[in-house]
Amino acid sequence: MTEPDPPHPGADMERFVREQMAFVGLGDADIAMIRRTAPQVLAHADALTTALYDHFLEFPASARFFVREDGSPDRARIERRKHSLARWLTEVASVPTEHGIVYHLLGVALSHSHRAQRPGGTIPLPLMVGAMSLTQTALAGVLRAGLPDVRESLDAVVAWNKLLLVHLNVLLLGYLLPAPAGH
C-alpha cells in the first residue's frame, strides 16, 4: 500500500515557513539582527530596487518583462514593480510569519509562475532564483558599507541571507503547482 502524498506546503504556509526557518537555521539572534539593521537596509530601498531593475534591463531574458512593444523600457511598469519590491523588502525586514503575510507571499509566487506578465509571459524559474541572488548580493553590499565592524557586517549578511532563502523557498512553491486548466 502506498502512502498518500503529503499536502502541498501551501495548505499550511505558517508551518512551512517555520520549518524553512528551522532548516536554514534562522533563529532569534538572526531575527534580532535583521530587525536591528532593517532601517539601514530600508534607507537604501530606492537604490536597491533601481539597481535591480536596471540590471534586468541589461539582459534580454529579463528585459522582455519590462519593455514596450517597441523595445523601450516601460518606465511606468518599472516604477510600479520597484514600489512593489520596496514594499516586500519592508515586510521582509520585520521577519513576519503570520497567516496573512505568508499567504500573500504565496500569492506573489503564483502570480510570477502562473500569470503571464505582459509582454514577457510567465517569469521563468531561473530568473526568480537569479533575482533573489541579486537581492542578496545588493543587501550584502549595503550592510558591508554601513556596518564598520566586519564581524557584525558578516553576521547581518548571514541573517538576511537566511531570511531571503526562506522567502525564495516560498516563491518557488508557485512553480510546483500545476497551472490551472486553460493556461
N, C-alpha and C. Protein backbone atom coordinates (compact mmCIF):
# COMPACT_ATOMS: atom_id res chain seq x y z
N MET A 1 0.84 -1.17 0.00
CA MET A 1 0.00 0.00 0.00
C MET A 1 0.90 1.25 0.00
N THR A 2 0.59 2.18 -0.87
CA THR A 2 1.39 3.40 -0.96
C THR A 2 0.85 4.44 0.02
N GLU A 3 1.78 5.22 0.50
CA GLU A 3 1.39 6.31 1.41
C GLU A 3 0.81 7.45 0.59
N PRO A 4 -0.19 8.13 1.13
CA PRO A 4 -0.74 9.27 0.39
C PRO A 4 0.29 10.38 0.31
N ASP A 5 0.21 11.15 -0.77
CA ASP A 5 1.09 12.29 -0.91
C ASP A 5 0.83 13.27 0.23
N PRO A 6 1.89 13.84 0.77
CA PRO A 6 1.66 14.86 1.81
C PRO A 6 0.97 16.06 1.19
N PRO A 7 0.25 16.83 1.99
CA PRO A 7 -0.40 18.01 1.43
C PRO A 7 0.65 19.00 0.92
N HIS A 8 0.26 19.78 -0.06
CA HIS A 8 1.15 20.82 -0.59
C HIS A 8 1.49 21.78 0.55
N PRO A 9 2.73 22.25 0.61
CA PRO A 9 3.10 23.19 1.69
C PRO A 9 2.18 24.41 1.76
N GLY A 10 1.58 24.78 0.64
CA GLY A 10 0.69 25.93 0.62
C GLY A 10 -0.56 25.72 1.45
N ALA A 11 -0.85 24.47 1.81
CA ALA A 11 -2.02 24.18 2.63
C ALA A 11 -1.83 24.68 4.06
N ASP A 12 -0.60 24.83 4.49
CA ASP A 12 -0.30 25.35 5.83
C ASP A 12 1.00 26.16 5.74
N MET A 13 0.88 27.36 5.23
CA MET A 13 2.06 28.19 4.98
C MET A 13 2.80 28.57 6.26
N GLU A 14 2.08 28.80 7.33
CA GLU A 14 2.77 29.16 8.57
C GLU A 14 3.70 28.04 9.01
N ARG A 15 3.22 26.81 8.94
CA ARG A 15 4.06 25.66 9.29
C ARG A 15 5.24 25.57 8.35
N PHE A 16 4.98 25.71 7.05
CA PHE A 16 6.04 25.63 6.05
C PHE A 16 7.13 26.66 6.33
N VAL A 17 6.74 27.89 6.61
CA VAL A 17 7.71 28.95 6.86
C VAL A 17 8.50 28.65 8.14
N ARG A 18 7.82 28.21 9.19
CA ARG A 18 8.54 27.86 10.42
C ARG A 18 9.54 26.73 10.16
N GLU A 19 9.14 25.73 9.38
CA GLU A 19 10.05 24.62 9.05
C GLU A 19 11.24 25.11 8.23
N GLN A 20 10.99 26.01 7.29
CA GLN A 20 12.08 26.55 6.47
C GLN A 20 13.04 27.38 7.32
N MET A 21 12.48 28.15 8.24
CA MET A 21 13.32 28.94 9.14
C MET A 21 14.22 28.02 9.97
N ALA A 22 13.64 26.94 10.46
CA ALA A 22 14.44 25.98 11.24
C ALA A 22 15.49 25.33 10.36
N PHE A 23 15.11 24.97 9.15
CA PHE A 23 16.03 24.27 8.24
C PHE A 23 17.26 25.12 7.91
N VAL A 24 17.06 26.42 7.65
CA VAL A 24 18.19 27.28 7.29
C VAL A 24 18.88 27.85 8.53
N GLY A 25 18.36 27.53 9.72
CA GLY A 25 18.99 28.00 10.96
C GLY A 25 18.69 29.44 11.29
N LEU A 26 17.57 29.95 10.83
CA LEU A 26 17.17 31.33 11.11
C LEU A 26 16.58 31.38 12.52
N GLY A 27 17.38 31.81 13.47
CA GLY A 27 16.97 31.82 14.86
C GLY A 27 16.72 33.21 15.40
N ASP A 28 16.51 33.27 16.70
CA ASP A 28 16.18 34.53 17.36
C ASP A 28 17.28 35.59 17.19
N ALA A 29 18.54 35.16 17.29
CA ALA A 29 19.63 36.14 17.13
C ALA A 29 19.65 36.71 15.71
N ASP A 30 19.36 35.86 14.72
CA ASP A 30 19.30 36.34 13.33
C ASP A 30 18.14 37.32 13.16
N ILE A 31 16.99 36.97 13.72
CA ILE A 31 15.81 37.84 13.60
C ILE A 31 16.09 39.20 14.24
N ALA A 32 16.73 39.18 15.41
CA ALA A 32 17.08 40.44 16.07
C ALA A 32 18.04 41.26 15.21
N MET A 33 19.01 40.59 14.59
CA MET A 33 19.97 41.29 13.72
C MET A 33 19.26 41.90 12.52
N ILE A 34 18.35 41.16 11.91
CA ILE A 34 17.61 41.67 10.74
C ILE A 34 16.80 42.89 11.14
N ARG A 35 16.09 42.79 12.23
CA ARG A 35 15.25 43.91 12.67
C ARG A 35 16.10 45.11 13.05
N ARG A 36 17.27 44.87 13.64
CA ARG A 36 18.15 45.97 14.04
C ARG A 36 18.76 46.67 12.83
N THR A 37 19.08 45.92 11.78
CA THR A 37 19.71 46.50 10.60
C THR A 37 18.69 46.91 9.53
N ALA A 38 17.42 46.62 9.76
CA ALA A 38 16.39 46.95 8.78
C ALA A 38 16.37 48.43 8.40
N PRO A 39 16.47 49.36 9.36
CA PRO A 39 16.45 50.78 8.95
C PRO A 39 17.57 51.13 7.97
N GLN A 40 18.74 50.54 8.19
CA GLN A 40 19.86 50.80 7.28
C GLN A 40 19.54 50.25 5.88
N VAL A 41 19.02 49.05 5.82
CA VAL A 41 18.67 48.44 4.53
C VAL A 41 17.57 49.25 3.86
N LEU A 42 16.52 49.57 4.62
CA LEU A 42 15.39 50.28 4.02
C LEU A 42 15.74 51.70 3.58
N ALA A 43 16.75 52.28 4.18
CA ALA A 43 17.21 53.61 3.74
C ALA A 43 17.75 53.55 2.31
N HIS A 44 18.13 52.36 1.88
CA HIS A 44 18.67 52.17 0.54
C HIS A 44 17.68 51.48 -0.40
N ALA A 45 16.43 51.38 -0.01
CA ALA A 45 15.45 50.63 -0.80
C ALA A 45 15.34 51.16 -2.23
N ASP A 46 15.32 52.47 -2.39
CA ASP A 46 15.20 53.02 -3.74
C ASP A 46 16.41 52.66 -4.60
N ALA A 47 17.59 52.81 -4.04
CA ALA A 47 18.81 52.47 -4.79
C ALA A 47 18.86 50.97 -5.10
N LEU A 48 18.44 50.15 -4.14
CA LEU A 48 18.45 48.70 -4.37
C LEU A 48 17.48 48.29 -5.48
N THR A 49 16.27 48.84 -5.43
CA THR A 49 15.28 48.46 -6.44
C THR A 49 15.65 49.01 -7.81
N THR A 50 16.20 50.22 -7.84
CA THR A 50 16.63 50.80 -9.11
C THR A 50 17.74 49.95 -9.73
N ALA A 51 18.71 49.57 -8.92
CA ALA A 51 19.82 48.75 -9.42
C ALA A 51 19.32 47.41 -9.94
N LEU A 52 18.37 46.81 -9.25
CA LEU A 52 17.85 45.52 -9.68
C LEU A 52 17.14 45.63 -11.03
N TYR A 53 16.27 46.61 -11.18
CA TYR A 53 15.54 46.74 -12.44
C TYR A 53 16.44 47.23 -13.57
N ASP A 54 17.43 48.05 -13.27
CA ASP A 54 18.41 48.42 -14.29
C ASP A 54 19.15 47.17 -14.77
N HIS A 55 19.48 46.29 -13.83
CA HIS A 55 20.15 45.03 -14.19
C HIS A 55 19.24 44.18 -15.08
N PHE A 56 17.97 44.09 -14.73
CA PHE A 56 17.02 43.32 -15.54
C PHE A 56 17.00 43.82 -16.98
N LEU A 57 17.08 45.14 -17.14
CA LEU A 57 17.01 45.72 -18.48
C LEU A 57 18.25 45.42 -19.32
N GLU A 58 19.33 45.01 -18.69
CA GLU A 58 20.56 44.70 -19.42
C GLU A 58 20.52 43.35 -20.13
N PHE A 59 19.59 42.49 -19.78
CA PHE A 59 19.57 41.13 -20.32
C PHE A 59 18.23 40.86 -21.00
N PRO A 60 18.26 40.43 -22.25
CA PRO A 60 17.01 40.20 -22.99
C PRO A 60 16.04 39.25 -22.27
N ALA A 61 16.55 38.22 -21.61
CA ALA A 61 15.67 37.26 -20.95
C ALA A 61 14.84 37.89 -19.84
N SER A 62 15.39 38.89 -19.17
CA SER A 62 14.63 39.57 -18.11
C SER A 62 14.05 40.89 -18.59
N ALA A 63 14.70 41.54 -19.53
CA ALA A 63 14.21 42.83 -20.02
C ALA A 63 12.84 42.70 -20.68
N ARG A 64 12.57 41.55 -21.27
CA ARG A 64 11.30 41.38 -22.00
C ARG A 64 10.07 41.61 -21.13
N PHE A 65 10.22 41.55 -19.82
CA PHE A 65 9.09 41.77 -18.92
C PHE A 65 8.86 43.24 -18.62
N PHE A 66 9.80 44.08 -19.04
CA PHE A 66 9.75 45.48 -18.65
C PHE A 66 9.91 46.44 -19.81
N VAL A 67 9.65 45.98 -21.03
CA VAL A 67 9.75 46.84 -22.20
C VAL A 67 8.40 46.92 -22.91
N ARG A 68 8.26 47.98 -23.65
CA ARG A 68 7.07 48.15 -24.50
C ARG A 68 7.28 47.36 -25.78
N GLU A 69 6.26 47.32 -26.60
CA GLU A 69 6.36 46.58 -27.86
C GLU A 69 7.46 47.12 -28.76
N ASP A 70 7.78 48.41 -28.63
CA ASP A 70 8.83 48.99 -29.46
C ASP A 70 10.24 48.73 -28.88
N GLY A 71 10.31 48.03 -27.74
CA GLY A 71 11.58 47.69 -27.13
C GLY A 71 12.10 48.71 -26.12
N SER A 72 11.40 49.83 -25.97
CA SER A 72 11.83 50.83 -25.00
C SER A 72 11.35 50.43 -23.60
N PRO A 73 12.10 50.82 -22.57
CA PRO A 73 11.69 50.47 -21.20
C PRO A 73 10.32 51.06 -20.86
N ASP A 74 9.48 50.26 -20.25
CA ASP A 74 8.17 50.70 -19.79
C ASP A 74 8.36 51.29 -18.39
N ARG A 75 8.70 52.56 -18.33
CA ARG A 75 9.06 53.21 -17.07
C ARG A 75 7.93 53.16 -16.04
N ALA A 76 6.69 53.30 -16.48
CA ALA A 76 5.56 53.24 -15.54
C ALA A 76 5.48 51.85 -14.90
N ARG A 77 5.63 50.81 -15.69
CA ARG A 77 5.60 49.44 -15.16
C ARG A 77 6.78 49.20 -14.22
N ILE A 78 7.95 49.68 -14.61
CA ILE A 78 9.14 49.50 -13.77
C ILE A 78 8.95 50.22 -12.44
N GLU A 79 8.39 51.42 -12.45
CA GLU A 79 8.16 52.15 -11.19
C GLU A 79 7.16 51.40 -10.30
N ARG A 80 6.12 50.82 -10.89
CA ARG A 80 5.17 50.02 -10.09
C ARG A 80 5.87 48.81 -9.49
N ARG A 81 6.70 48.15 -10.28
CA ARG A 81 7.42 46.96 -9.79
C ARG A 81 8.43 47.35 -8.70
N LYS A 82 9.11 48.48 -8.88
CA LYS A 82 10.05 48.95 -7.86
C LYS A 82 9.31 49.24 -6.55
N HIS A 83 8.16 49.86 -6.65
CA HIS A 83 7.36 50.15 -5.46
C HIS A 83 6.95 48.84 -4.77
N SER A 84 6.52 47.88 -5.56
CA SER A 84 6.12 46.58 -5.01
C SER A 84 7.31 45.88 -4.34
N LEU A 85 8.47 45.93 -4.97
CA LEU A 85 9.67 45.30 -4.42
C LEU A 85 10.09 46.00 -3.12
N ALA A 86 10.00 47.32 -3.08
CA ALA A 86 10.35 48.06 -1.86
C ALA A 86 9.37 47.71 -0.74
N ARG A 87 8.10 47.55 -1.07
CA ARG A 87 7.10 47.16 -0.07
C ARG A 87 7.42 45.76 0.47
N TRP A 88 7.79 44.84 -0.43
CA TRP A 88 8.17 43.49 0.01
C TRP A 88 9.38 43.57 0.93
N LEU A 89 10.37 44.36 0.56
CA LEU A 89 11.58 44.49 1.38
C LEU A 89 11.23 45.02 2.77
N THR A 90 10.30 45.96 2.85
CA THR A 90 9.85 46.49 4.13
C THR A 90 9.18 45.39 4.95
N GLU A 91 8.34 44.59 4.31
CA GLU A 91 7.69 43.48 5.01
C GLU A 91 8.71 42.44 5.46
N VAL A 92 9.66 42.12 4.60
CA VAL A 92 10.69 41.14 4.92
C VAL A 92 11.47 41.58 6.16
N ALA A 93 11.76 42.85 6.25
CA ALA A 93 12.59 43.38 7.33
C ALA A 93 12.00 43.17 8.72
N SER A 94 10.68 42.97 8.79
CA SER A 94 10.06 42.72 10.10
C SER A 94 10.01 41.24 10.43
N VAL A 95 10.48 40.39 9.52
CA VAL A 95 10.50 38.93 9.67
C VAL A 95 9.12 38.40 10.08
N PRO A 96 8.12 38.69 9.27
CA PRO A 96 6.78 38.22 9.62
C PRO A 96 6.59 36.74 9.30
N THR A 97 5.80 36.08 10.11
CA THR A 97 5.47 34.67 9.85
C THR A 97 3.97 34.42 9.99
N GLU A 98 3.20 35.46 10.23
CA GLU A 98 1.78 35.25 10.46
C GLU A 98 1.02 34.97 9.15
N HIS A 99 -0.17 34.48 9.34
CA HIS A 99 -1.03 33.96 8.28
C HIS A 99 -1.10 34.86 7.03
N GLY A 100 -1.50 36.09 7.20
CA GLY A 100 -1.73 36.95 6.05
C GLY A 100 -0.49 37.19 5.21
N ILE A 101 0.61 37.42 5.85
CA ILE A 101 1.85 37.73 5.13
C ILE A 101 2.35 36.52 4.35
N VAL A 102 2.36 35.36 4.97
CA VAL A 102 2.92 34.20 4.27
C VAL A 102 2.03 33.77 3.11
N TYR A 103 0.72 33.94 3.23
CA TYR A 103 -0.15 33.62 2.10
C TYR A 103 -0.07 34.69 1.02
N HIS A 104 0.17 35.92 1.41
CA HIS A 104 0.41 36.97 0.41
C HIS A 104 1.64 36.62 -0.43
N LEU A 105 2.68 36.16 0.24
CA LEU A 105 3.90 35.77 -0.47
C LEU A 105 3.64 34.60 -1.41
N LEU A 106 2.82 33.65 -0.98
CA LEU A 106 2.45 32.54 -1.88
C LEU A 106 1.68 33.08 -3.08
N GLY A 107 0.82 34.07 -2.86
CA GLY A 107 0.11 34.69 -3.97
C GLY A 107 1.06 35.35 -4.96
N VAL A 108 2.09 35.99 -4.44
CA VAL A 108 3.12 36.58 -5.31
C VAL A 108 3.80 35.48 -6.12
N ALA A 109 4.08 34.37 -5.45
CA ALA A 109 4.72 33.24 -6.14
C ALA A 109 3.85 32.75 -7.28
N LEU A 110 2.57 32.61 -7.02
CA LEU A 110 1.65 32.13 -8.07
C LEU A 110 1.52 33.13 -9.20
N SER A 111 1.53 34.42 -8.87
CA SER A 111 1.42 35.42 -9.94
C SER A 111 2.65 35.41 -10.84
N HIS A 112 3.82 35.16 -10.27
CA HIS A 112 5.03 35.10 -11.09
C HIS A 112 5.10 33.81 -11.91
N SER A 113 4.64 32.72 -11.35
CA SER A 113 4.80 31.42 -12.02
C SER A 113 3.63 31.04 -12.91
N HIS A 114 2.46 31.65 -12.70
CA HIS A 114 1.27 31.21 -13.42
C HIS A 114 0.58 32.29 -14.25
N ARG A 115 0.79 33.55 -13.90
CA ARG A 115 0.09 34.62 -14.63
C ARG A 115 1.06 35.26 -15.61
N ALA A 116 0.66 35.26 -16.85
CA ALA A 116 1.51 35.87 -17.88
C ALA A 116 1.67 37.35 -17.61
N GLN A 117 2.91 37.80 -17.61
CA GLN A 117 3.24 39.21 -17.44
C GLN A 117 3.44 39.80 -18.83
N ARG A 118 2.72 40.84 -19.13
CA ARG A 118 2.89 41.43 -20.45
C ARG A 118 4.17 42.20 -20.52
N PRO A 119 4.91 42.15 -21.57
CA PRO A 119 4.73 41.29 -22.73
C PRO A 119 5.51 39.99 -22.66
N GLY A 120 6.14 39.68 -21.53
CA GLY A 120 7.11 38.58 -21.49
C GLY A 120 6.59 37.19 -21.22
N GLY A 121 5.36 37.03 -20.73
CA GLY A 121 4.87 35.71 -20.35
C GLY A 121 5.04 35.49 -18.85
N THR A 122 5.11 34.22 -18.44
CA THR A 122 5.34 33.94 -17.02
C THR A 122 6.83 34.06 -16.72
N ILE A 123 7.14 34.35 -15.48
CA ILE A 123 8.53 34.54 -15.07
C ILE A 123 9.20 33.17 -14.98
N PRO A 124 10.25 32.92 -15.75
CA PRO A 124 10.93 31.63 -15.68
C PRO A 124 11.61 31.43 -14.32
N LEU A 125 11.61 30.21 -13.87
CA LEU A 125 12.21 29.86 -12.59
C LEU A 125 13.64 30.38 -12.43
N PRO A 126 14.52 30.22 -13.41
CA PRO A 126 15.89 30.73 -13.23
C PRO A 126 15.95 32.24 -12.98
N LEU A 127 15.02 33.00 -13.54
CA LEU A 127 15.01 34.44 -13.30
C LEU A 127 14.58 34.74 -11.86
N MET A 128 13.66 33.97 -11.33
CA MET A 128 13.23 34.16 -9.94
C MET A 128 14.41 33.90 -9.00
N VAL A 129 15.12 32.80 -9.22
CA VAL A 129 16.28 32.47 -8.40
C VAL A 129 17.36 33.53 -8.57
N GLY A 130 17.61 33.93 -9.79
CA GLY A 130 18.62 34.95 -10.06
C GLY A 130 18.28 36.28 -9.41
N ALA A 131 17.01 36.66 -9.44
CA ALA A 131 16.60 37.93 -8.82
C ALA A 131 16.85 37.89 -7.32
N MET A 132 16.59 36.76 -6.69
CA MET A 132 16.85 36.66 -5.26
C MET A 132 18.35 36.72 -4.99
N SER A 133 19.15 36.09 -5.82
CA SER A 133 20.60 36.15 -5.65
C SER A 133 21.10 37.59 -5.80
N LEU A 134 20.58 38.30 -6.78
CA LEU A 134 20.97 39.70 -6.95
C LEU A 134 20.58 40.53 -5.73
N THR A 135 19.42 40.25 -5.17
CA THR A 135 18.96 40.96 -3.98
C THR A 135 19.88 40.67 -2.80
N GLN A 136 20.24 39.40 -2.62
CA GLN A 136 21.16 39.03 -1.54
C GLN A 136 22.50 39.75 -1.69
N THR A 137 23.00 39.79 -2.89
CA THR A 137 24.29 40.43 -3.14
C THR A 137 24.21 41.93 -2.88
N ALA A 138 23.13 42.56 -3.32
CA ALA A 138 22.96 44.00 -3.11
C ALA A 138 22.84 44.32 -1.61
N LEU A 139 22.08 43.50 -0.88
CA LEU A 139 21.95 43.71 0.56
C LEU A 139 23.30 43.54 1.25
N ALA A 140 24.09 42.58 0.81
CA ALA A 140 25.42 42.38 1.40
C ALA A 140 26.26 43.64 1.22
N GLY A 141 26.18 44.24 0.05
CA GLY A 141 26.94 45.47 -0.19
C GLY A 141 26.49 46.61 0.71
N VAL A 142 25.18 46.76 0.90
CA VAL A 142 24.65 47.80 1.77
C VAL A 142 25.11 47.57 3.21
N LEU A 143 25.02 46.33 3.67
CA LEU A 143 25.39 46.02 5.05
C LEU A 143 26.90 46.16 5.27
N ARG A 144 27.68 45.74 4.29
CA ARG A 144 29.14 45.87 4.41
C ARG A 144 29.54 47.35 4.49
N ALA A 145 28.91 48.17 3.67
CA ALA A 145 29.24 49.60 3.66
C ALA A 145 28.76 50.32 4.92
N GLY A 146 27.66 49.86 5.48
CA GLY A 146 27.06 50.58 6.60
C GLY A 146 27.44 50.10 7.98
N LEU A 147 28.02 48.93 8.06
CA LEU A 147 28.42 48.40 9.37
C LEU A 147 29.94 48.30 9.41
N PRO A 148 30.59 49.20 10.11
CA PRO A 148 32.05 49.23 10.08
C PRO A 148 32.71 48.00 10.71
N ASP A 149 32.04 47.36 11.66
CA ASP A 149 32.60 46.17 12.29
C ASP A 149 32.40 44.98 11.34
N VAL A 150 33.51 44.37 10.93
CA VAL A 150 33.46 43.29 9.95
C VAL A 150 32.62 42.12 10.44
N ARG A 151 32.79 41.73 11.69
CA ARG A 151 32.04 40.60 12.23
C ARG A 151 30.53 40.90 12.25
N GLU A 152 30.17 42.09 12.69
CA GLU A 152 28.76 42.48 12.71
C GLU A 152 28.19 42.50 11.29
N SER A 153 28.96 43.02 10.37
CA SER A 153 28.53 43.05 8.97
C SER A 153 28.30 41.65 8.44
N LEU A 154 29.23 40.74 8.71
CA LEU A 154 29.08 39.36 8.26
C LEU A 154 27.87 38.70 8.91
N ASP A 155 27.69 38.91 10.22
CA ASP A 155 26.53 38.34 10.91
C ASP A 155 25.23 38.85 10.30
N ALA A 156 25.18 40.14 9.95
CA ALA A 156 23.98 40.71 9.36
C ALA A 156 23.72 40.11 7.97
N VAL A 157 24.76 39.98 7.17
CA VAL A 157 24.61 39.40 5.83
C VAL A 157 24.11 37.96 5.94
N VAL A 158 24.68 37.20 6.85
CA VAL A 158 24.26 35.81 7.03
C VAL A 158 22.79 35.75 7.44
N ALA A 159 22.39 36.58 8.38
CA ALA A 159 21.00 36.58 8.85
C ALA A 159 20.04 36.93 7.70
N TRP A 160 20.35 37.99 6.98
CA TRP A 160 19.49 38.39 5.85
C TRP A 160 19.45 37.30 4.78
N ASN A 161 20.58 36.67 4.50
CA ASN A 161 20.60 35.60 3.50
C ASN A 161 19.71 34.44 3.91
N LYS A 162 19.73 34.08 5.19
CA LYS A 162 18.85 33.01 5.66
C LYS A 162 17.39 33.37 5.43
N LEU A 163 17.04 34.60 5.77
CA LEU A 163 15.65 35.04 5.60
C LEU A 163 15.25 35.05 4.13
N LEU A 164 16.13 35.55 3.28
CA LEU A 164 15.81 35.59 1.85
C LEU A 164 15.72 34.19 1.27
N LEU A 165 16.45 33.24 1.82
CA LEU A 165 16.33 31.86 1.38
C LEU A 165 14.96 31.30 1.73
N VAL A 166 14.47 31.63 2.91
CA VAL A 166 13.11 31.21 3.29
C VAL A 166 12.11 31.78 2.30
N HIS A 167 12.25 33.06 1.99
CA HIS A 167 11.33 33.69 1.03
C HIS A 167 11.46 33.07 -0.36
N LEU A 168 12.68 32.76 -0.76
CA LEU A 168 12.85 32.11 -2.06
C LEU A 168 12.14 30.76 -2.08
N ASN A 169 12.24 30.01 -1.01
CA ASN A 169 11.56 28.72 -0.96
C ASN A 169 10.05 28.88 -1.07
N VAL A 170 9.50 29.92 -0.47
CA VAL A 170 8.07 30.18 -0.62
C VAL A 170 7.76 30.56 -2.06
N LEU A 171 8.58 31.43 -2.65
CA LEU A 171 8.35 31.83 -4.04
C LEU A 171 8.42 30.63 -4.99
N LEU A 172 9.29 29.69 -4.69
CA LEU A 172 9.43 28.52 -5.56
C LEU A 172 8.24 27.59 -5.48
N LEU A 173 7.47 27.68 -4.40
CA LEU A 173 6.27 26.83 -4.29
C LEU A 173 5.33 27.04 -5.47
N GLY A 174 5.25 28.27 -5.94
CA GLY A 174 4.37 28.55 -7.08
C GLY A 174 4.72 27.72 -8.30
N TYR A 175 5.97 27.40 -8.45
CA TYR A 175 6.41 26.63 -9.60
C TYR A 175 6.12 25.15 -9.45
N LEU A 176 5.76 24.70 -8.25
CA LEU A 176 5.42 23.31 -8.01
C LEU A 176 3.97 22.98 -8.30
N LEU A 177 3.14 24.02 -8.33
CA LEU A 177 1.71 23.82 -8.57
C LEU A 177 1.43 23.82 -10.07
N PRO A 178 0.60 22.90 -10.53
CA PRO A 178 0.26 22.92 -11.95
C PRO A 178 -0.56 24.17 -12.29
N ALA A 179 -0.37 24.64 -13.49
CA ALA A 179 -1.15 25.79 -13.95
C ALA A 179 -2.61 25.39 -14.08
N PRO A 180 -3.53 26.29 -13.77
CA PRO A 180 -4.95 25.98 -13.95
C PRO A 180 -5.24 25.65 -15.41
N ALA A 181 -6.26 24.87 -15.63
CA ALA A 181 -6.66 24.49 -16.99
C ALA A 181 -6.89 25.76 -17.81
N GLY A 182 -6.45 25.72 -19.05
CA GLY A 182 -6.64 26.85 -19.94
C GLY A 182 -5.46 27.80 -19.98
N HIS A 183 -4.40 27.51 -19.23
CA HIS A 183 -3.22 28.39 -19.24
C HIS A 183 -2.14 27.82 -20.10
